[in-house]
Amino acid sequence: MSTCDIDYRYRRALAPEGLVTFDTCLQAVTDAVADSRLAGLEPGEDPAVQLLSRRLSRLTCGTVAADHPEDAPLRERCMSRLAELKHKPAIVSLVLRGCDNRPEELRHYQREGQRALRQIATAVGLSRNDYQVNYLTSSTRFAGEHTLQSESIYLRLSPQRLGEPDLAWRRPDWAQPGNTLKKAHITALRDIPAFAARLMRDLKLPAPGQGNLI
């Protein structure tokens, strides 16, 4: 059985300030345990699970606000794991693994797909007001279609179905240049900066910061 590790729980464990109630923190621990098992790891030995469990215990005891230098080794392990996963976008593993009829994987697929598209938007120089990221699915049981749309880009990310590649892009409204639909395998997102550069070349987009230069 293939596994994939998701960096979300490590990021959440390192910045848990939003977990301020027992219920939200308990859910974070539950999600982290599920993610750890998805990665083929032992939850009890997972640094993110341990940190979040400590957060839950401190919420119960009212000691959240205190300094906790004893957490430093666990935080270092989380940061090391984040560094390892930096060049392994979770969306690639999720699509390769398959998400249909797998609730945990589908939850990550929806979030990580949007995250990847926002990273691409940033890499090509779009600000948050310049584009929209959408998600559409015919059923909550199946992985749907992510899209990134701006005045100059239409990019689709979806699981491969009926032989169609996972990534496809063109100019909106099929306008020139870039009126031909380009396609690529999901593994192209293993290097998001390189994929963003390819997108800009194919659609004849200006380099970031040069949009108004003549």
Protein backbone atom coordinates (compact mmCIF):
# COMPACT_ATOMS: atom_id res chain seq x y z
CA MET A 1 0.00 0.00 0.00
CA SER A 2 1.45 3.38 -1.01
CA THR A 3 1.66 6.17 1.57
CA CYS A 4 1.95 9.92 1.46
CA ASP A 5 2.92 12.36 4.15
CA ILE A 6 1.06 15.66 4.44
CA ASP A 7 2.86 18.66 5.94
CA TYR A 8 -0.32 20.27 7.28
CA ARG A 9 -0.12 18.72 10.74
CA TYR A 10 3.49 19.86 11.20
CA ARG A 11 2.57 23.43 10.26
CA ARG A 12 -0.45 23.30 12.54
CA ALA A 13 1.59 21.96 15.46
CA LEU A 14 4.19 24.72 15.07
CA ALA A 15 1.56 27.48 14.97
CA PRO A 16 -1.37 26.27 17.12
CA GLU A 17 -2.53 29.71 18.24
CA GLY A 18 -5.90 29.23 16.54
CA LEU A 19 -6.64 26.14 18.64
CA VAL A 20 -8.19 27.89 21.62
CA THR A 21 -11.05 25.55 22.57
CA PHE A 22 -11.09 21.95 23.70
CA ASP A 23 -13.18 20.85 20.71
CA THR A 24 -10.99 22.47 18.05
CA CYS A 25 -7.82 21.16 19.65
CA LEU A 26 -9.24 17.66 20.05
CA GLN A 27 -10.21 17.69 16.36
CA ALA A 28 -6.67 18.82 15.45
CA VAL A 29 -5.21 15.88 17.38
CA THR A 30 -7.66 13.47 15.75
CA ASP A 31 -6.81 14.79 12.28
CA ALA A 32 -3.08 14.60 13.00
CA VAL A 33 -3.38 10.96 14.11
CA ALA A 34 -5.25 10.10 10.90
CA ASP A 35 -2.63 11.91 8.79
CA SER A 36 0.20 10.14 10.58
CA ARG A 37 -1.37 6.75 9.87
CA LEU A 38 -1.94 7.78 6.25
CA ALA A 39 1.82 8.38 6.05
CA GLY A 40 2.49 4.90 7.44
CA LEU A 41 3.84 6.29 10.73
CA GLU A 42 3.19 5.45 14.36
CA PRO A 43 1.07 8.35 15.71
CA GLY A 44 2.49 8.02 19.21
CA GLU A 45 5.95 8.77 17.85
CA ASP A 46 4.89 11.58 15.52
CA PRO A 47 6.23 14.97 16.75
CA ALA A 48 3.20 16.86 15.41
CA VAL A 49 0.78 14.53 17.20
CA GLN A 50 2.82 14.88 20.39
CA LEU A 51 2.87 18.69 20.22
CA LEU A 52 -0.84 18.93 19.52
CA SER A 53 -1.60 16.46 22.32
CA ARG A 54 0.39 18.64 24.69
CA ARG A 55 -1.62 21.65 23.52
CA LEU A 56 -4.84 19.79 24.33
CA SER A 57 -3.56 18.84 27.78
CA ARG A 58 -2.49 22.42 28.52
CA LEU A 59 -5.86 23.77 27.42
CA THR A 60 -7.48 21.43 29.92
CA CYS A 61 -5.08 22.46 32.68
CA GLY A 62 -5.08 26.16 31.85
CA THR A 63 -1.32 26.33 31.19
CA VAL A 64 -1.34 27.22 27.48
CA ALA A 65 0.04 30.73 28.03
CA ALA A 66 3.12 29.53 29.92
CA ASP A 67 6.52 29.05 28.27
CA HIS A 68 7.31 25.44 27.39
CA PRO A 69 11.01 25.07 26.53
CA GLU A 70 10.59 21.30 26.78
CA ASP A 71 8.79 21.45 23.42
CA ALA A 72 11.95 22.54 21.58
CA PRO A 73 13.06 19.03 20.48
CA LEU A 74 9.60 18.23 19.07
CA ARG A 75 9.43 21.58 17.30
CA GLU A 76 12.85 20.93 15.73
CA ARG A 77 11.68 17.55 14.47
CA CYS A 78 8.57 19.16 12.93
CA MET A 79 10.70 21.82 11.22
CA SER A 80 13.10 19.18 9.91
CA ARG A 81 10.20 17.20 8.48
CA LEU A 82 8.77 20.34 6.85
CA ALA A 83 12.14 20.96 5.20
CA GLU A 84 12.14 17.40 3.85
CA LEU A 85 8.62 17.77 2.46
CA LYS A 86 9.23 21.21 0.94
CA HIS A 87 10.14 19.70 -2.41
CA LYS A 88 7.48 16.99 -2.22
CA PRO A 89 4.14 18.80 -2.69
CA ALA A 90 1.40 16.76 -1.08
CA ILE A 91 -0.94 17.20 -4.04
CA VAL A 92 1.41 15.12 -6.22
CA SER A 93 1.34 12.17 -3.82
CA LEU A 94 -2.41 12.46 -3.31
CA VAL A 95 -3.21 12.39 -7.03
CA LEU A 96 -0.78 9.53 -7.70
CA ARG A 97 -2.24 7.57 -4.79
CA GLY A 98 -5.87 8.22 -5.71
CA CYS A 99 -8.48 9.86 -3.51
CA ASP A 100 -11.87 8.58 -4.65
CA ASN A 101 -13.95 7.07 -1.84
CA ARG A 102 -11.23 7.93 0.71
CA PRO A 103 -12.54 10.68 3.02
CA GLU A 104 -9.20 11.58 4.61
CA GLU A 105 -7.38 11.79 1.27
CA LEU A 106 -10.24 13.82 -0.23
CA ARG A 107 -10.05 16.31 2.63
CA HIS A 108 -6.36 16.84 1.91
CA TYR A 109 -6.83 16.82 -1.84
CA GLN A 110 -9.24 19.74 -1.70
CA ARG A 111 -7.00 21.81 0.58
CA GLU A 112 -3.64 20.93 -0.98
CA GLY A 113 -4.89 21.43 -4.53
CA GLN A 114 -5.95 24.97 -3.68
CA ARG A 115 -2.66 25.56 -1.92
CA ALA A 116 -0.66 24.41 -4.96
CA LEU A 117 -2.62 26.68 -7.30
CA ARG A 118 -2.06 29.66 -5.01
CA GLN A 119 1.67 28.90 -4.99
CA ILE A 120 1.63 28.86 -8.79
CA ALA A 121 -0.28 32.15 -8.87
CA THR A 122 2.33 33.73 -6.61
CA ALA A 123 5.17 32.33 -8.72
CA VAL A 124 3.79 33.93 -11.90
CA GLY A 125 3.37 37.27 -10.17
CA LEU A 126 -0.38 37.37 -9.49
CA SER A 127 -1.67 39.12 -6.39
CA ARG A 128 -4.57 37.68 -4.39
CA ASN A 129 -6.99 40.09 -6.07
CA ASP A 130 -5.88 39.07 -9.57
CA TYR A 131 -7.21 35.51 -9.65
CA GLN A 132 -9.78 33.04 -8.39
CA VAL A 133 -9.25 29.48 -7.21
CA ASN A 134 -12.30 27.22 -7.42
CA TYR A 135 -13.16 23.61 -6.70
CA LEU A 136 -15.94 21.62 -8.35
CA THR A 137 -16.93 17.99 -7.90
CA SER A 138 -19.90 15.94 -9.03
CA SER A 139 -19.89 13.98 -5.76
CA THR A 140 -18.29 14.34 -2.33
CA ARG A 141 -17.06 10.75 -2.79
CA PHE A 142 -14.83 11.67 -5.74
CA ALA A 143 -11.87 13.98 -6.26
CA GLY A 144 -12.99 17.02 -8.19
CA GLU A 145 -11.49 19.70 -10.38
CA HIS A 146 -9.42 22.63 -9.14
CA THR A 147 -9.15 25.71 -11.34
CA LEU A 148 -7.05 28.85 -11.26
CA GLN A 149 -8.44 31.68 -13.38
CA SER A 150 -7.21 35.21 -14.05
CA GLU A 151 -7.33 37.62 -16.98
CA SER A 152 -4.41 35.77 -18.59
CA ILE A 153 -4.50 32.22 -17.20
CA TYR A 154 -6.85 29.26 -17.07
CA LEU A 155 -5.27 26.31 -15.25
CA ARG A 156 -7.03 23.06 -14.34
CA LEU A 157 -5.81 20.48 -11.83
CA SER A 158 -7.74 17.22 -11.58
CA PRO A 159 -7.17 13.47 -11.26
CA GLN A 160 -6.39 11.70 -14.50
CA ARG A 161 -9.61 10.31 -15.95
CA LEU A 162 -10.19 8.67 -19.31
CA GLY A 163 -6.59 9.30 -20.28
CA GLU A 164 -6.73 13.07 -19.70
CA PRO A 165 -3.57 14.45 -18.02
CA ASP A 166 -3.85 15.90 -14.51
CA LEU A 167 -2.85 19.45 -15.52
CA ALA A 168 -4.13 21.56 -18.40
CA TRP A 169 -3.72 25.26 -19.16
CA ARG A 170 -4.51 27.90 -21.77
CA ARG A 171 -5.48 31.53 -22.14
CA PRO A 172 -9.04 32.32 -20.98
CA ASP A 173 -11.58 32.41 -23.80
CA TRP A 174 -8.99 30.65 -25.97
CA ALA A 175 -7.40 34.01 -26.77
CA GLN A 176 -4.06 34.41 -28.55
CA PRO A 177 -1.33 33.76 -27.58
CA GLY A 178 -1.74 30.50 -25.71
CA ASN A 179 -4.98 29.44 -27.37
CA THR A 180 -3.83 25.80 -27.54
CA LEU A 181 -4.60 23.65 -24.53
CA LYS A 182 -1.31 22.48 -23.01
CA LYS A 183 -1.19 19.43 -20.74
CA ALA A 184 1.13 17.80 -18.23
CA HIS A 185 1.29 15.02 -15.67
CA ILE A 186 0.81 15.89 -12.00
CA THR A 187 4.50 15.19 -11.39
CA ALA A 188 5.23 18.55 -13.07
CA LEU A 189 4.23 20.10 -9.73
CA ARG A 190 7.17 18.49 -7.97
CA ASP A 191 8.97 21.68 -8.97
CA ILE A 192 6.42 24.50 -8.80
CA PRO A 193 8.86 27.31 -9.80
CA ALA A 194 9.85 25.36 -12.92
CA PHE A 195 6.21 24.67 -13.77
CA ALA A 196 5.34 28.35 -13.28
CA ALA A 197 8.16 29.30 -15.67
CA ARG A 198 6.78 26.84 -18.22
CA LEU A 199 3.31 28.32 -17.81
CA MET A 200 4.64 31.82 -18.45
CA ARG A 201 6.52 30.69 -21.55
CA ASP A 202 3.54 28.86 -23.01
CA LEU A 203 1.12 31.75 -22.40
CA LYS A 204 3.65 34.47 -23.23
CA LEU A 205 3.25 36.09 -19.83
CA PRO A 206 5.64 38.83 -18.65
CA ALA A 207 8.05 37.99 -15.85
CA PRO A 208 6.77 38.95 -12.37
CA GLY A 209 7.15 42.69 -11.82
CA GLN A 210 7.38 43.46 -15.52
CA GLY A 211 3.72 43.57 -16.43
CA ASN A 212 3.73 47.33 -16.98
CA LEU A 213 7.12 47.63 -18.61
CA ILE A 214 7.18 48.48 -22.30
